[in-house]
Amino acid sequence: RNDPSWVRHRAVGGMGLDAQWADDLHHAIHVAVTGETDGY
């Protein structure tokens, strides 16, 4: 969901987790080197 609230501190209304997976960087690099543009 690309929702940063997972890793925001509990004091500011977040979930208080330490990190989250972020697929966007993978997808951008993958398309840049492979040229694949189908699916997601």
ModelCIF file with pLDDT and N, C-alpha, C, O atoms, coordinates in Angstrom:
data_MODEL
#
_entry.id   MODEL 
#
_entity.id                         1 
_entity.type                       polymer 
_entity.pdbx_number_of_molecules   1 
#
_entity_poly.entity_id                      1 
_entity_poly.type                           'polypeptide(L)' 
_entity_poly.nstd_linkage                   no 
_entity_poly.nstd_monomer                   no 
_entity_poly.pdbx_seq_one_letter_code       RNDPSWVRHRAVGGMGLDAQWADDLHHAIHVAVTGETDGY 
_entity_poly.pdbx_seq_one_letter_code_can   RNDPSWVRHRAVGGMGLDAQWADDLHHAIHVAVTGETDGY 
_entity_poly.pdbx_strand_id                 A 
#
loop_
_entity_poly_seq.entity_id 
_entity_poly_seq.num 
_entity_poly_seq.mon_id 
_entity_poly_seq.hetero 
1 1  ARG n 
1 2  ASN n 
1 3  ASP n 
1 4  PRO n 
1 5  SER n 
1 6  TRP n 
1 7  VAL n 
1 8  ARG n 
1 9  HIS n 
1 10 ARG n 
1 11 ALA n 
1 12 VAL n 
1 13 GLY n 
1 14 GLY n 
1 15 MET n 
1 16 GLY n 
1 17 LEU n 
1 18 ASP n 
1 19 ALA n 
1 20 GLN n 
1 21 TRP n 
1 22 ALA n 
1 23 ASP n 
1 24 ASP n 
1 25 LEU n 
1 26 HIS n 
1 27 HIS n 
1 28 ALA n 
1 29 ILE n 
1 30 HIS n 
1 31 VAL n 
1 32 ALA n 
1 33 VAL n 
1 34 THR n 
1 35 GLY n 
1 36 GLU n 
1 37 THR n 
1 38 ASP n 
1 39 GLY n 
1 40 TYR n 
#
_struct_asym.id          A 
_struct_asym.entity_id   1 
#
loop_
_ma_qa_metric.id 
_ma_qa_metric.mode 
_ma_qa_metric.name 
_ma_qa_metric.software_group_id 
_ma_qa_metric.type 
1 global pLDDT . pLDDT 
2 local  pLDDT . pLDDT 
#
_ma_qa_metric_global.metric_id      1 
_ma_qa_metric_global.metric_value   96.08 
_ma_qa_metric_global.model_id       1 
_ma_qa_metric_global.ordinal_id     1 
#
loop_
_ma_qa_metric_local.label_asym_id 
_ma_qa_metric_local.label_comp_id 
_ma_qa_metric_local.label_seq_id 
_ma_qa_metric_local.metric_id 
_ma_qa_metric_local.metric_value 
_ma_qa_metric_local.model_id 
_ma_qa_metric_local.ordinal_id 
A ARG 1  2 95.00 1 1  
A ASN 2  2 97.00 1 2  
A ASP 3  2 96.00 1 3  
A PRO 4  2 97.00 1 4  
A SER 5  2 96.00 1 5  
A TRP 6  2 97.00 1 6  
A VAL 7  2 97.00 1 7  
A ARG 8  2 96.00 1 8  
A HIS 9  2 94.00 1 9  
A ARG 10 2 93.00 1 10 
A ALA 11 2 92.00 1 11 
A VAL 12 2 93.00 1 12 
A GLY 13 2 91.00 1 13 
A GLY 14 2 95.00 1 14 
A MET 15 2 96.00 1 15 
A GLY 16 2 96.00 1 16 
A LEU 17 2 98.00 1 17 
A ASP 18 2 98.00 1 18 
A ALA 19 2 98.00 1 19 
A GLN 20 2 98.00 1 20 
A TRP 21 2 97.00 1 21 
A ALA 22 2 97.00 1 22 
A ASP 23 2 97.00 1 23 
A ASP 24 2 98.00 1 24 
A LEU 25 2 98.00 1 25 
A HIS 26 2 98.00 1 26 
A HIS 27 2 98.00 1 27 
A ALA 28 2 98.00 1 28 
A ILE 29 2 98.00 1 29 
A HIS 30 2 98.00 1 30 
A VAL 31 2 98.00 1 31 
A ALA 32 2 98.00 1 32 
A VAL 33 2 98.00 1 33 
A THR 34 2 97.00 1 34 
A GLY 35 2 97.00 1 35 
A GLU 36 2 96.00 1 36 
A THR 37 2 95.00 1 37 
A ASP 38 2 91.00 1 38 
A GLY 39 2 90.00 1 39 
A TYR 40 2 93.00 1 40 
#
loop_
_atom_site.group_PDB 
_atom_site.id 
_atom_site.type_symbol 
_atom_site.label_atom_id 
_atom_site.label_alt_id 
_atom_site.label_comp_id 
_atom_site.label_asym_id 
_atom_site.label_entity_id 
_atom_site.label_seq_id 
_atom_site.pdbx_PDB_ins_code 
_atom_site.Cartn_x 
_atom_site.Cartn_y 
_atom_site.Cartn_z 
_atom_site.occupancy 
_atom_site.B_iso_or_equiv 
_atom_site.pdbx_formal_charge 
_atom_site.auth_seq_id 
_atom_site.auth_comp_id 
_atom_site.auth_asym_id 
_atom_site.auth_atom_id 
_atom_site.pdbx_PDB_model_num 
ATOM 1   N N  . ARG A 1 1  ? 0.800  -1.227 0.000   1.00 95.00 ? 1  ARG A N  1 
ATOM 2   C CA . ARG A 1 1  ? 0.000  0.000  0.000   1.00 95.00 ? 1  ARG A CA 1 
ATOM 3   C C  . ARG A 1 1  ? 0.833  1.277  0.000   1.00 95.00 ? 1  ARG A C  1 
ATOM 4   O O  . ARG A 1 1  ? 0.286  2.374  -0.117  1.00 95.00 ? 1  ARG A O  1 
ATOM 5   N N  . ASN A 1 2  ? 2.152  1.142  0.130   1.00 97.00 ? 2  ASN A N  1 
ATOM 6   C CA . ASN A 1 2  ? 3.009  2.334  0.182   1.00 97.00 ? 2  ASN A CA 1 
ATOM 7   C C  . ASN A 1 2  ? 2.504  3.331  1.225   1.00 97.00 ? 2  ASN A C  1 
ATOM 8   O O  . ASN A 1 2  ? 2.418  4.533  0.970   1.00 97.00 ? 2  ASN A O  1 
ATOM 9   N N  . ASP A 1 3  ? 2.181  2.815  2.382   1.00 96.00 ? 3  ASP A N  1 
ATOM 10  C CA . ASP A 1 3  ? 1.629  3.621  3.464   1.00 96.00 ? 3  ASP A CA 1 
ATOM 11  C C  . ASP A 1 3  ? 2.696  3.825  4.538   1.00 96.00 ? 3  ASP A C  1 
ATOM 12  O O  . ASP A 1 3  ? 2.996  2.892  5.282   1.00 96.00 ? 3  ASP A O  1 
ATOM 13  N N  . PRO A 1 4  ? 3.274  5.022  4.634   1.00 97.00 ? 4  PRO A N  1 
ATOM 14  C CA . PRO A 1 4  ? 4.351  5.251  5.602   1.00 97.00 ? 4  PRO A CA 1 
ATOM 15  C C  . PRO A 1 4  ? 3.909  5.206  7.060   1.00 97.00 ? 4  PRO A C  1 
ATOM 16  O O  . PRO A 1 4  ? 4.753  5.218  7.955   1.00 97.00 ? 4  PRO A O  1 
ATOM 17  N N  . SER A 1 5  ? 2.590  5.154  7.319   1.00 96.00 ? 5  SER A N  1 
ATOM 18  C CA . SER A 1 5  ? 2.152  5.123  8.709   1.00 96.00 ? 5  SER A CA 1 
ATOM 19  C C  . SER A 1 5  ? 2.628  3.869  9.429   1.00 96.00 ? 5  SER A C  1 
ATOM 20  O O  . SER A 1 5  ? 2.703  3.853  10.658  1.00 96.00 ? 5  SER A O  1 
ATOM 21  N N  . TRP A 1 6  ? 2.950  2.821  8.680   1.00 97.00 ? 6  TRP A N  1 
ATOM 22  C CA . TRP A 1 6  ? 3.460  1.609  9.325   1.00 97.00 ? 6  TRP A CA 1 
ATOM 23  C C  . TRP A 1 6  ? 4.736  1.908  10.117  1.00 97.00 ? 6  TRP A C  1 
ATOM 24  O O  . TRP A 1 6  ? 4.967  1.315  11.171  1.00 97.00 ? 6  TRP A O  1 
ATOM 25  N N  . VAL A 1 7  ? 5.559  2.824  9.610   1.00 97.00 ? 7  VAL A N  1 
ATOM 26  C CA . VAL A 1 7  ? 6.860  3.055  10.234  1.00 97.00 ? 7  VAL A CA 1 
ATOM 27  C C  . VAL A 1 7  ? 6.939  4.398  10.959  1.00 97.00 ? 7  VAL A C  1 
ATOM 28  O O  . VAL A 1 7  ? 8.017  4.792  11.404  1.00 97.00 ? 7  VAL A O  1 
ATOM 29  N N  . ARG A 1 8  ? 5.834  5.092  11.081  1.00 96.00 ? 8  ARG A N  1 
ATOM 30  C CA . ARG A 1 8  ? 5.839  6.318  11.881  1.00 96.00 ? 8  ARG A CA 1 
ATOM 31  C C  . ARG A 1 8  ? 5.738  5.952  13.359  1.00 96.00 ? 8  ARG A C  1 
ATOM 32  O O  . ARG A 1 8  ? 5.192  4.909  13.716  1.00 96.00 ? 8  ARG A O  1 
ATOM 33  N N  . HIS A 1 9  ? 6.270  6.821  14.208  1.00 94.00 ? 9  HIS A N  1 
ATOM 34  C CA . HIS A 1 9  ? 6.282  6.543  15.635  1.00 94.00 ? 9  HIS A CA 1 
ATOM 35  C C  . HIS A 1 9  ? 4.855  6.502  16.177  1.00 94.00 ? 9  HIS A C  1 
ATOM 36  O O  . HIS A 1 9  ? 3.957  7.164  15.658  1.00 94.00 ? 9  HIS A O  1 
ATOM 37  N N  . ARG A 1 10 ? 4.669  5.721  17.215  1.00 93.00 ? 10 ARG A N  1 
ATOM 38  C CA . ARG A 1 10 ? 3.361  5.613  17.851  1.00 93.00 ? 10 ARG A CA 1 
ATOM 39  C C  . ARG A 1 10 ? 2.888  6.973  18.371  1.00 93.00 ? 10 ARG A C  1 
ATOM 40  O O  . ARG A 1 10 ? 1.688  7.247  18.391  1.00 93.00 ? 10 ARG A O  1 
ATOM 41  N N  . ALA A 1 11 ? 3.830  7.822  18.790  1.00 92.00 ? 11 ALA A N  1 
ATOM 42  C CA . ALA A 1 11 ? 3.472  9.115  19.377  1.00 92.00 ? 11 ALA A CA 1 
ATOM 43  C C  . ALA A 1 11 ? 2.795  10.043 18.372  1.00 92.00 ? 11 ALA A C  1 
ATOM 44  O O  . ALA A 1 11 ? 2.081  10.966 18.763  1.00 92.00 ? 11 ALA A O  1 
ATOM 45  N N  . VAL A 1 12 ? 3.016  9.800  17.078  1.00 93.00 ? 12 VAL A N  1 
ATOM 46  C CA . VAL A 1 12 ? 2.399  10.651 16.054  1.00 93.00 ? 12 VAL A CA 1 
ATOM 47  C C  . VAL A 1 12 ? 1.346  9.880  15.265  1.00 93.00 ? 12 VAL A C  1 
ATOM 48  O O  . VAL A 1 12 ? 1.002  10.253 14.144  1.00 93.00 ? 12 VAL A O  1 
ATOM 49  N N  . GLY A 1 13 ? 0.841  8.808  15.856  1.00 91.00 ? 13 GLY A N  1 
ATOM 50  C CA . GLY A 1 13 ? -0.255 8.093  15.237  1.00 91.00 ? 13 GLY A CA 1 
ATOM 51  C C  . GLY A 1 13 ? 0.135  6.957  14.318  1.00 91.00 ? 13 GLY A C  1 
ATOM 52  O O  . GLY A 1 13 ? -0.725 6.377  13.656  1.00 91.00 ? 13 GLY A O  1 
ATOM 53  N N  . GLY A 1 14 ? 1.426  6.624  14.261  1.00 95.00 ? 14 GLY A N  1 
ATOM 54  C CA . GLY A 1 14 ? 1.861  5.524  13.411  1.00 95.00 ? 14 GLY A CA 1 
ATOM 55  C C  . GLY A 1 14 ? 1.772  4.183  14.117  1.00 95.00 ? 14 GLY A C  1 
ATOM 56  O O  . GLY A 1 14 ? 1.346  4.100  15.269  1.00 95.00 ? 14 GLY A O  1 
ATOM 57  N N  . MET A 1 15 ? 2.180  3.132  13.413  1.00 96.00 ? 15 MET A N  1 
ATOM 58  C CA . MET A 1 15 ? 2.156  1.782  13.970  1.00 96.00 ? 15 MET A CA 1 
ATOM 59  C C  . MET A 1 15 ? 3.389  1.493  14.826  1.00 96.00 ? 15 MET A C  1 
ATOM 60  O O  . MET A 1 15 ? 3.375  0.583  15.655  1.00 96.00 ? 15 MET A O  1 
ATOM 61  N N  . GLY A 1 16 ? 4.448  2.266  14.621  1.00 96.00 ? 16 GLY A N  1 
ATOM 62  C CA . GLY A 1 16 ? 5.642  2.081  15.435  1.00 96.00 ? 16 GLY A CA 1 
ATOM 63  C C  . GLY A 1 16 ? 6.560  0.981  14.968  1.00 96.00 ? 16 GLY A C  1 
ATOM 64  O O  . GLY A 1 16 ? 7.421  0.542  15.729  1.00 96.00 ? 16 GLY A O  1 
ATOM 65  N N  . LEU A 1 17 ? 6.403  0.510  13.716  1.00 98.00 ? 17 LEU A N  1 
ATOM 66  C CA . LEU A 1 17 ? 7.322  -0.489 13.187  1.00 98.00 ? 17 LEU A CA 1 
ATOM 67  C C  . LEU A 1 17 ? 8.611  0.188  12.741  1.00 98.00 ? 17 LEU A C  1 
ATOM 68  O O  . LEU A 1 17 ? 8.665  1.410  12.603  1.00 98.00 ? 17 LEU A O  1 
ATOM 69  N N  . ASP A 1 18 ? 9.646  -0.613 12.517  1.00 98.00 ? 18 ASP A N  1 
ATOM 70  C CA . ASP A 1 18 ? 10.978 -0.040 12.280  1.00 98.00 ? 18 ASP A CA 1 
ATOM 71  C C  . ASP A 1 18 ? 11.288 0.163  10.796  1.00 98.00 ? 18 ASP A C  1 
ATOM 72  O O  . ASP A 1 18 ? 12.045 1.069  10.445  1.00 98.00 ? 18 ASP A O  1 
ATOM 73  N N  . ALA A 1 19 ? 10.721 -0.658 9.933   1.00 98.00 ? 19 ALA A N  1 
ATOM 74  C CA . ALA A 1 19 ? 10.995 -0.544 8.501   1.00 98.00 ? 19 ALA A CA 1 
ATOM 75  C C  . ALA A 1 19 ? 9.881  -1.237 7.737   1.00 98.00 ? 19 ALA A C  1 
ATOM 76  O O  . ALA A 1 19 ? 9.078  -1.968 8.317   1.00 98.00 ? 19 ALA A O  1 
ATOM 77  N N  . GLN A 1 20 ? 9.838  -0.999 6.419   1.00 98.00 ? 20 GLN A N  1 
ATOM 78  C CA . GLN A 1 20 ? 8.863  -1.682 5.578   1.00 98.00 ? 20 GLN A CA 1 
ATOM 79  C C  . GLN A 1 20 ? 9.465  -1.937 4.206   1.00 98.00 ? 20 GLN A C  1 
ATOM 80  O O  . GLN A 1 20 ? 10.296 -1.170 3.720   1.00 98.00 ? 20 GLN A O  1 
ATOM 81  N N  . TRP A 1 21 ? 9.035  -3.016 3.599   1.00 97.00 ? 21 TRP A N  1 
ATOM 82  C CA . TRP A 1 21 ? 9.465  -3.301 2.232   1.00 97.00 ? 21 TRP A CA 1 
ATOM 83  C C  . TRP A 1 21 ? 8.883  -2.245 1.300   1.00 97.00 ? 21 TRP A C  1 
ATOM 84  O O  . TRP A 1 21 ? 7.754  -1.790 1.481   1.00 97.00 ? 21 TRP A O  1 
ATOM 85  N N  . ALA A 1 22 ? 9.679  -1.860 0.295   1.00 97.00 ? 22 ALA A N  1 
ATOM 86  C CA . ALA A 1 22 ? 9.248  -0.861 -0.682  1.00 97.00 ? 22 ALA A CA 1 
ATOM 87  C C  . ALA A 1 22 ? 9.605  -1.376 -2.075  1.00 97.00 ? 22 ALA A C  1 
ATOM 88  O O  . ALA A 1 22 ? 10.778 -1.397 -2.450  1.00 97.00 ? 22 ALA A O  1 
ATOM 89  N N  . ASP A 1 23 ? 8.604  -1.788 -2.837  1.00 97.00 ? 23 ASP A N  1 
ATOM 90  C CA . ASP A 1 23 ? 8.844  -2.416 -4.137  1.00 97.00 ? 23 ASP A CA 1 
ATOM 91  C C  . ASP A 1 23 ? 9.156  -1.427 -5.246  1.00 97.00 ? 23 ASP A C  1 
ATOM 92  O O  . ASP A 1 23 ? 9.711  -1.814 -6.275  1.00 97.00 ? 23 ASP A O  1 
ATOM 93  N N  . ASP A 1 24 ? 8.809  -0.156 -5.060  1.00 98.00 ? 24 ASP A N  1 
ATOM 94  C CA . ASP A 1 24 ? 8.933  0.805  -6.158  1.00 98.00 ? 24 ASP A CA 1 
ATOM 95  C C  . ASP A 1 24 ? 10.346 0.873  -6.736  1.00 98.00 ? 24 ASP A C  1 
ATOM 96  O O  . ASP A 1 24 ? 10.515 0.904  -7.955  1.00 98.00 ? 24 ASP A O  1 
ATOM 97  N N  . LEU A 1 25 ? 11.356 0.895  -5.873  1.00 98.00 ? 25 LEU A N  1 
ATOM 98  C CA . LEU A 1 25 ? 12.727 0.997  -6.365  1.00 98.00 ? 25 LEU A CA 1 
ATOM 99  C C  . LEU A 1 25 ? 13.082 -0.235 -7.189  1.00 98.00 ? 25 LEU A C  1 
ATOM 100 O O  . LEU A 1 25 ? 13.721 -0.126 -8.236  1.00 98.00 ? 25 LEU A O  1 
ATOM 101 N N  . HIS A 1 26 ? 12.668 -1.403 -6.713  1.00 98.00 ? 26 HIS A N  1 
ATOM 102 C CA . HIS A 1 26 ? 12.907 -2.621 -7.490  1.00 98.00 ? 26 HIS A CA 1 
ATOM 103 C C  . HIS A 1 26 ? 12.273 -2.516 -8.869  1.00 98.00 ? 26 HIS A C  1 
ATOM 104 O O  . HIS A 1 26 ? 12.915 -2.799 -9.880  1.00 98.00 ? 26 HIS A O  1 
ATOM 105 N N  . HIS A 1 27 ? 11.002 -2.104 -8.904  1.00 98.00 ? 27 HIS A N  1 
ATOM 106 C CA . HIS A 1 27 ? 10.280 -2.080 -10.178 1.00 98.00 ? 27 HIS A CA 1 
ATOM 107 C C  . HIS A 1 27 ? 10.924 -1.111 -11.168 1.00 98.00 ? 27 HIS A C  1 
ATOM 108 O O  . HIS A 1 27 ? 11.047 -1.414 -12.355 1.00 98.00 ? 27 HIS A O  1 
ATOM 109 N N  . ALA A 1 28 ? 11.332 0.057  -10.670 1.00 98.00 ? 28 ALA A N  1 
ATOM 110 C CA . ALA A 1 28 ? 11.948 1.043  -11.558 1.00 98.00 ? 28 ALA A CA 1 
ATOM 111 C C  . ALA A 1 28 ? 13.262 0.520  -12.130 1.00 98.00 ? 28 ALA A C  1 
ATOM 112 O O  . ALA A 1 28 ? 13.508 0.638  -13.330 1.00 98.00 ? 28 ALA A O  1 
ATOM 113 N N  . ILE A 1 29 ? 14.106 -0.059 -11.275 1.00 98.00 ? 29 ILE A N  1 
ATOM 114 C CA . ILE A 1 29 ? 15.385 -0.590 -11.754 1.00 98.00 ? 29 ILE A CA 1 
ATOM 115 C C  . ILE A 1 29 ? 15.154 -1.766 -12.698 1.00 98.00 ? 29 ILE A C  1 
ATOM 116 O O  . ILE A 1 29 ? 15.826 -1.883 -13.723 1.00 98.00 ? 29 ILE A O  1 
ATOM 117 N N  . HIS A 1 30 ? 14.207 -2.634 -12.355 1.00 98.00 ? 30 HIS A N  1 
ATOM 118 C CA . HIS A 1 30 ? 13.943 -3.812 -13.180 1.00 98.00 ? 30 HIS A CA 1 
ATOM 119 C C  . HIS A 1 30 ? 13.525 -3.403 -14.594 1.00 98.00 ? 30 HIS A C  1 
ATOM 120 O O  . HIS A 1 30 ? 14.035 -3.947 -15.574 1.00 98.00 ? 30 HIS A O  1 
ATOM 121 N N  . VAL A 1 31 ? 12.611 -2.458 -14.700 1.00 98.00 ? 31 VAL A N  1 
ATOM 122 C CA . VAL A 1 31 ? 12.168 -2.016 -16.024 1.00 98.00 ? 31 VAL A CA 1 
ATOM 123 C C  . VAL A 1 31 ? 13.315 -1.321 -16.760 1.00 98.00 ? 31 VAL A C  1 
ATOM 124 O O  . VAL A 1 31 ? 13.451 -1.468 -17.975 1.00 98.00 ? 31 VAL A O  1 
ATOM 125 N N  . ALA A 1 32 ? 14.135 -0.569 -16.035 1.00 98.00 ? 32 ALA A N  1 
ATOM 126 C CA . ALA A 1 32 ? 15.243 0.143  -16.671 1.00 98.00 ? 32 ALA A CA 1 
ATOM 127 C C  . ALA A 1 32 ? 16.239 -0.816 -17.320 1.00 98.00 ? 32 ALA A C  1 
ATOM 128 O O  . ALA A 1 32 ? 16.777 -0.514 -18.386 1.00 98.00 ? 32 ALA A O  1 
ATOM 129 N N  . VAL A 1 33 ? 16.492 -1.964 -16.696 1.00 98.00 ? 33 VAL A N  1 
ATOM 130 C CA . VAL A 1 33 ? 17.517 -2.867 -17.231 1.00 98.00 ? 33 VAL A CA 1 
ATOM 131 C C  . VAL A 1 33 ? 16.938 -3.966 -18.106 1.00 98.00 ? 33 VAL A C  1 
ATOM 132 O O  . VAL A 1 33 ? 17.654 -4.530 -18.934 1.00 98.00 ? 33 VAL A O  1 
ATOM 133 N N  . THR A 1 34 ? 15.628 -4.291 -17.940 1.00 97.00 ? 34 THR A N  1 
ATOM 134 C CA . THR A 1 34 ? 15.042 -5.375 -18.735 1.00 97.00 ? 34 THR A CA 1 
ATOM 135 C C  . THR A 1 34 ? 14.155 -4.882 -19.860 1.00 97.00 ? 34 THR A C  1 
ATOM 136 O O  . THR A 1 34 ? 14.011 -5.561 -20.877 1.00 97.00 ? 34 THR A O  1 
ATOM 137 N N  . GLY A 1 35 ? 13.556 -3.706 -19.695 1.00 97.00 ? 35 GLY A N  1 
ATOM 138 C CA . GLY A 1 35 ? 12.595 -3.212 -20.671 1.00 97.00 ? 35 GLY A CA 1 
ATOM 139 C C  . GLY A 1 35 ? 11.214 -3.818 -20.533 1.00 97.00 ? 35 GLY A C  1 
ATOM 140 O O  . GLY A 1 35 ? 10.335 -3.498 -21.333 1.00 97.00 ? 35 GLY A O  1 
ATOM 141 N N  . GLU A 1 36 ? 10.982 -4.685 -19.550 1.00 96.00 ? 36 GLU A N  1 
ATOM 142 C CA . GLU A 1 36 ? 9.665  -5.293 -19.358 1.00 96.00 ? 36 GLU A CA 1 
ATOM 143 C C  . GLU A 1 36 ? 8.669  -4.252 -18.847 1.00 96.00 ? 36 GLU A C  1 
ATOM 144 O O  . GLU A 1 36 ? 8.959  -3.507 -17.911 1.00 96.00 ? 36 GLU A O  1 
ATOM 145 N N  . THR A 1 37 ? 7.506  -4.214 -19.466 1.00 95.00 ? 37 THR A N  1 
ATOM 146 C CA . THR A 1 37 ? 6.496  -3.242 -19.036 1.00 95.00 ? 37 THR A CA 1 
ATOM 147 C C  . THR A 1 37 ? 5.108  -3.862 -18.949 1.00 95.00 ? 37 THR A C  1 
ATOM 148 O O  . THR A 1 37 ? 4.117  -3.132 -18.944 1.00 95.00 ? 37 THR A O  1 
ATOM 149 N N  . ASP A 1 38 ? 5.006  -5.192 -18.881 1.00 91.00 ? 38 ASP A N  1 
ATOM 150 C CA . ASP A 1 38 ? 3.679  -5.789 -18.752 1.00 91.00 ? 38 ASP A CA 1 
ATOM 151 C C  . ASP A 1 38 ? 3.368  -6.037 -17.289 1.00 91.00 ? 38 ASP A C  1 
ATOM 152 O O  . ASP A 1 38 ? 4.228  -5.875 -16.423 1.00 91.00 ? 38 ASP A O  1 
ATOM 153 N N  . GLY A 1 39 ? 2.116  -6.435 -17.017 1.00 90.00 ? 39 GLY A N  1 
ATOM 154 C CA . GLY A 1 39 ? 1.710  -6.645 -15.634 1.00 90.00 ? 39 GLY A CA 1 
ATOM 155 C C  . GLY A 1 39 ? 1.829  -5.363 -14.833 1.00 90.00 ? 39 GLY A C  1 
ATOM 156 O O  . GLY A 1 39 ? 1.531  -4.279 -15.335 1.00 90.00 ? 39 GLY A O  1 
ATOM 157 N N  . TYR A 1 40 ? 2.264  -5.485 -13.591 1.00 93.00 ? 40 TYR A N  1 
ATOM 158 C CA . TYR A 1 40 ? 2.376  -4.294 -12.750 1.00 93.00 ? 40 TYR A CA 1 
ATOM 159 C C  . TYR A 1 40 ? 3.531  -3.394 -13.152 1.00 93.00 ? 40 TYR A C  1 
ATOM 160 O O  . TYR A 1 40 ? 3.748  -2.353 -12.532 1.00 93.00 ? 40 TYR A O  1 
#
